[in-house]
């Protein structure tokens, strides 16, 4: 995303399930608010963000689905 004039301290990025929200904080020279819904849940612990020269880059990792299936023994 292009975010000219905004410092990284002026941004808040949150991840909830498969939704990524990007919001500029109060006092930022420009107001920005966006939400993106992705097809799969995101692993926030494995994801990261970088703001360089007014360009925000997000590296989002897919959350590996946990299966609750139990295998039965065939007799």
Protein backbone atom coordinates (compact mmCIF):
# COMPACT_ATOMS: atom_id res chain seq x y z
CA UNK A 1 0.00 0.00 0.00
CA UNK A 2 1.19 3.51 -0.71
CA UNK A 3 1.06 5.61 2.48
CA UNK A 4 3.10 8.75 1.77
CA UNK A 5 3.78 11.04 4.72
CA UNK A 6 2.87 8.50 7.40
CA UNK A 7 5.46 7.14 9.86
CA UNK A 8 5.27 3.60 11.23
CA UNK A 9 4.45 4.98 14.71
CA UNK A 10 1.31 6.53 13.18
CA UNK A 11 -0.09 3.21 11.88
CA UNK A 12 -1.96 0.38 13.57
CA UNK A 13 -2.29 -3.00 11.87
CA UNK A 14 -4.49 -5.68 13.38
CA UNK A 15 -5.32 -9.22 12.31
CA UNK A 16 -8.49 -10.99 13.36
CA UNK A 17 -9.07 -14.37 11.71
CA UNK A 18 -8.96 -13.66 7.98
CA UNK A 19 -9.41 -9.87 8.26
CA UNK A 20 -6.52 -7.39 8.16
CA UNK A 21 -7.24 -3.85 9.37
CA UNK A 22 -4.93 -0.91 8.70
CA UNK A 23 -5.70 2.38 10.45
CA UNK A 24 -3.76 5.62 10.88
CA UNK A 25 -3.61 6.77 14.50
CA UNK A 26 -4.82 10.09 15.82
CA UNK A 27 -2.43 12.90 14.99
CA UNK A 28 -1.22 11.37 11.71
CA UNK A 29 -0.97 13.90 8.85
CA UNK A 30 -3.31 11.75 6.72
CA UNK A 31 -6.20 9.59 7.77
CA UNK A 32 -6.27 6.05 6.44
CA UNK A 33 -8.68 3.24 7.33
CA UNK A 34 -9.02 -0.03 5.43
CA UNK A 35 -10.02 -3.63 6.05
CA UNK A 36 -9.25 -6.56 3.79
CA UNK A 37 -10.82 -10.00 4.09
CA UNK A 38 -8.65 -12.83 2.79
CA UNK A 39 -9.79 -16.35 1.87
CA UNK A 40 -7.93 -18.03 4.77
CA UNK A 41 -7.17 -17.22 8.40
CA UNK A 42 -3.83 -15.51 9.00
CA UNK A 43 -1.15 -16.59 11.46
CA UNK A 44 -0.30 -13.27 13.14
CA UNK A 45 2.77 -14.73 14.88
CA UNK A 46 4.37 -15.62 11.52
CA UNK A 47 3.34 -12.40 9.73
CA UNK A 48 5.12 -9.07 9.50
CA UNK A 49 4.90 -5.52 8.17
CA UNK A 50 7.47 -3.08 6.81
CA UNK A 51 7.07 0.61 5.99
CA UNK A 52 9.80 2.01 3.76
CA UNK A 53 9.71 5.28 1.77
CA UNK A 54 5.93 5.56 2.13
CA UNK A 55 5.23 2.00 0.97
CA UNK A 56 3.71 -0.49 3.41
CA UNK A 57 4.52 -4.13 2.67
CA UNK A 58 2.77 -6.94 4.50
CA UNK A 59 4.01 -10.51 4.66
CA UNK A 60 1.06 -12.62 5.79
CA UNK A 61 1.34 -16.30 6.65
CA UNK A 62 -1.58 -18.69 6.29
CA UNK A 63 -2.76 -20.36 9.46
CA UNK A 64 -2.45 -24.12 9.16
CA UNK A 65 -5.89 -25.60 9.80
CA UNK A 66 -6.10 -27.88 12.81
CA UNK A 67 -8.07 -31.02 12.24
CA UNK A 68 -10.11 -32.59 15.01
CA UNK A 69 -10.53 -35.87 13.12
CA UNK A 70 -9.88 -39.04 15.04
CA UNK A 71 -8.82 -42.17 13.20
CA UNK A 72 -10.67 -45.33 14.15
CA UNK A 73 -9.09 -48.75 14.37
CA UNK A 74 -10.66 -51.22 11.97
CA UNK A 75 -11.36 -54.64 13.49
